[in-house]
Amino acid sequence: MILENLEELSLTLIPSPGDAEIRHGCERAMTAILSVLTKIQPAEADAASPSGEEQIALAWLVGEMPRKLVDSERFACFQFVINRLLPY
């Protein structure tokens, strides 16, 4: 949902009132998510295959949309945390 909001904001040619606040809220939400993710223990290395949620997280690392919409430093943090958590 955060990426969808950021994508919608990126497509707007003329900013509307409140767009900056929405963008800031999305950035704060991503920071909060990162904070929670760093406290999660890594998945077991012997898991047969990624779950649906894990597949979404892994897709995040290779997808074009996140790389375009999320600043490179925050994206690198997500990439590091997801790679640490998932053994795939």
C-alpha atoms as a PDB file:
ATOM      1  CA  MET A   1       0.000   0.000   0.000  1.00  0.00           C
ATOM      2  CA  ILE A   2       2.880   2.358   0.749  1.00  0.00           C
ATOM      3  CA  LEU A   3       4.388   1.725  -2.670  1.00  0.00           C
ATOM      4  CA  GLU A   4       1.033   2.253  -4.329  1.00  0.00           C
ATOM      5  CA  ASN A   5       0.721   5.642  -2.616  1.00  0.00           C
ATOM      6  CA  LEU A   6       4.261   6.607  -3.599  1.00  0.00           C
ATOM      7  CA  GLU A   7       3.619   5.478  -7.159  1.00  0.00           C
ATOM      8  CA  GLU A   8       0.444   7.561  -7.358  1.00  0.00           C
ATOM      9  CA  LEU A   9       2.345  10.588  -6.046  1.00  0.00           C
ATOM     10  CA  SER A  10       5.138  10.045  -8.578  1.00  0.00           C
ATOM     11  CA  LEU A  11       2.651  10.031 -11.468  1.00  0.00           C
ATOM     12  CA  THR A  12       1.116  13.366 -10.512  1.00  0.00           C
ATOM     13  CA  LEU A  13       2.366  16.177 -12.732  1.00  0.00           C
ATOM     14  CA  ILE A  14       1.028  18.957 -10.523  1.00  0.00           C
ATOM     15  CA  PRO A  15       1.299  18.336  -6.768  1.00  0.00           C
ATOM     16  CA  SER A  16      -1.925  18.596  -4.821  1.00  0.00           C
ATOM     17  CA  PRO A  17      -2.206  20.057  -1.337  1.00  0.00           C
ATOM     18  CA  GLY A  18      -1.193  17.392   1.156  1.00  0.00           C
ATOM     19  CA  ASP A  19       1.016  15.386  -1.226  1.00  0.00           C
ATOM     20  CA  ALA A  20       4.154  16.254   0.738  1.00  0.00           C
ATOM     21  CA  GLU A  21       2.507  15.130   3.961  1.00  0.00           C
ATOM     22  CA  ILE A  22       1.431  11.841   2.375  1.00  0.00           C
ATOM     23  CA  ARG A  23       4.959  11.242   1.066  1.00  0.00           C
ATOM     24  CA  HIS A  24       6.385  12.039   4.504  1.00  0.00           C
ATOM     25  CA  GLY A  25       3.886   9.647   6.118  1.00  0.00           C
ATOM     26  CA  CYS A  26       4.925   6.891   3.714  1.00  0.00           C
ATOM     27  CA  GLU A  27       8.573   7.461   4.564  1.00  0.00           C
ATOM     28  CA  ARG A  28       7.810   7.345   8.291  1.00  0.00           C
ATOM     29  CA  ALA A  29       5.830   4.142   7.807  1.00  0.00           C
ATOM     30  CA  MET A  30       8.766   2.522   5.987  1.00  0.00           C
ATOM     31  CA  THR A  31      11.095   3.555   8.795  1.00  0.00           C
ATOM     32  CA  ALA A  32       8.712   2.013  11.341  1.00  0.00           C
ATOM     33  CA  ILE A  33       8.514  -1.192   9.304  1.00  0.00           C
ATOM     34  CA  LEU A  34      12.309  -1.381   9.135  1.00  0.00           C
ATOM     35  CA  SER A  35      12.472  -0.928  12.891  1.00  0.00           C
ATOM     36  CA  VAL A  36      10.145  -3.886  13.434  1.00  0.00           C
ATOM     37  CA  LEU A  37      11.863  -6.058  10.812  1.00  0.00           C
ATOM     38  CA  THR A  38      15.250  -5.677  12.456  1.00  0.00           C
ATOM     39  CA  LYS A  39      13.858  -7.357  15.594  1.00  0.00           C
ATOM     40  CA  ILE A  40      12.655 -10.494  13.753  1.00  0.00           C
ATOM     41  CA  GLN A  41      14.762 -13.636  13.943  1.00  0.00           C
ATOM     42  CA  PRO A  42      15.949 -15.051  10.590  1.00  0.00           C
ATOM     43  CA  ALA A  43      13.943 -17.880   9.027  1.00  0.00           C
ATOM     44  CA  GLU A  44      15.137 -21.467   9.296  1.00  0.00           C
ATOM     45  CA  ALA A  45      17.607 -22.291   6.541  1.00  0.00           C
ATOM     46  CA  ASP A  46      16.022 -25.685   5.911  1.00  0.00           C
ATOM     47  CA  ALA A  47      12.601 -24.343   4.908  1.00  0.00           C
ATOM     48  CA  ALA A  48      11.400 -26.040   1.712  1.00  0.00           C
ATOM     49  CA  SER A  49      10.296 -22.944  -0.160  1.00  0.00           C
ATOM     50  CA  PRO A  50       9.353 -19.348   0.562  1.00  0.00           C
ATOM     51  CA  SER A  51       5.872 -18.621   1.887  1.00  0.00           C
ATOM     52  CA  GLY A  52       3.613 -16.155   0.101  1.00  0.00           C
ATOM     53  CA  GLU A  53       4.746 -13.352   2.386  1.00  0.00           C
ATOM     54  CA  GLU A  54       8.396 -14.279   1.852  1.00  0.00           C
ATOM     55  CA  GLN A  55       7.876 -14.275  -1.910  1.00  0.00           C
ATOM     56  CA  ILE A  56       6.460 -10.755  -1.679  1.00  0.00           C
ATOM     57  CA  ALA A  57       9.477  -9.632   0.337  1.00  0.00           C
ATOM     58  CA  LEU A  58      11.863 -11.233  -2.134  1.00  0.00           C
ATOM     59  CA  ALA A  59      10.017  -9.664  -5.074  1.00  0.00           C
ATOM     60  CA  TRP A  60      10.593  -6.332  -3.377  1.00  0.00           C
ATOM     61  CA  LEU A  61      14.317  -6.770  -3.896  1.00  0.00           C
ATOM     62  CA  VAL A  62      14.116  -7.394  -7.613  1.00  0.00           C
ATOM     63  CA  GLY A  63      11.127  -5.264  -8.571  1.00  0.00           C
ATOM     64  CA  GLU A  64      11.544  -2.001 -10.437  1.00  0.00           C
ATOM     65  CA  MET A  65       8.862  -0.067  -8.575  1.00  0.00           C
ATOM     66  CA  PRO A  66      10.537  -0.086  -5.142  1.00  0.00           C
ATOM     67  CA  ARG A  67      13.885   0.967  -6.619  1.00  0.00           C
ATOM     68  CA  LYS A  68      12.239   3.921  -8.359  1.00  0.00           C
ATOM     69  CA  LEU A  69       9.981   5.040  -5.513  1.00  0.00           C
ATOM     70  CA  VAL A  70      12.099   4.475  -2.400  1.00  0.00           C
ATOM     71  CA  ASP A  71      15.259   6.461  -1.780  1.00  0.00           C
ATOM     72  CA  SER A  72      18.390   4.378  -2.335  1.00  0.00           C
ATOM     73  CA  GLU A  73      19.541   4.447   1.305  1.00  0.00           C
ATOM     74  CA  ARG A  74      16.206   3.203   2.653  1.00  0.00           C
ATOM     75  CA  PHE A  75      15.975   0.608  -0.129  1.00  0.00           C
ATOM     76  CA  ALA A  76      19.454  -0.670   0.781  1.00  0.00           C
ATOM     77  CA  CYS A  77      18.318  -1.029   4.406  1.00  0.00           C
ATOM     78  CA  PHE A  78      15.270  -3.037   3.333  1.00  0.00           C
ATOM     79  CA  GLN A  79      17.458  -5.156   1.067  1.00  0.00           C
ATOM     80  CA  PHE A  80      19.896  -5.888   3.899  1.00  0.00           C
ATOM     81  CA  VAL A  81      17.147  -6.780   6.386  1.00  0.00           C
ATOM     82  CA  ILE A  82      15.209  -8.988   3.948  1.00  0.00           C
ATOM     83  CA  ASN A  83      18.369 -10.813   2.884  1.00  0.00           C
ATOM     84  CA  ARG A  84      19.252 -11.375   6.549  1.00  0.00           C
ATOM     85  CA  LEU A  85      15.807 -12.725   7.386  1.00  0.00           C
ATOM     86  CA  LEU A  86      15.241 -15.037   4.429  1.00  0.00           C
ATOM     87  CA  PRO A  87      17.605 -17.914   3.631  1.00  0.00           C
ATOM     88  CA  TYR A  88      16.646 -18.088  -0.063  1.00  0.00           C
END
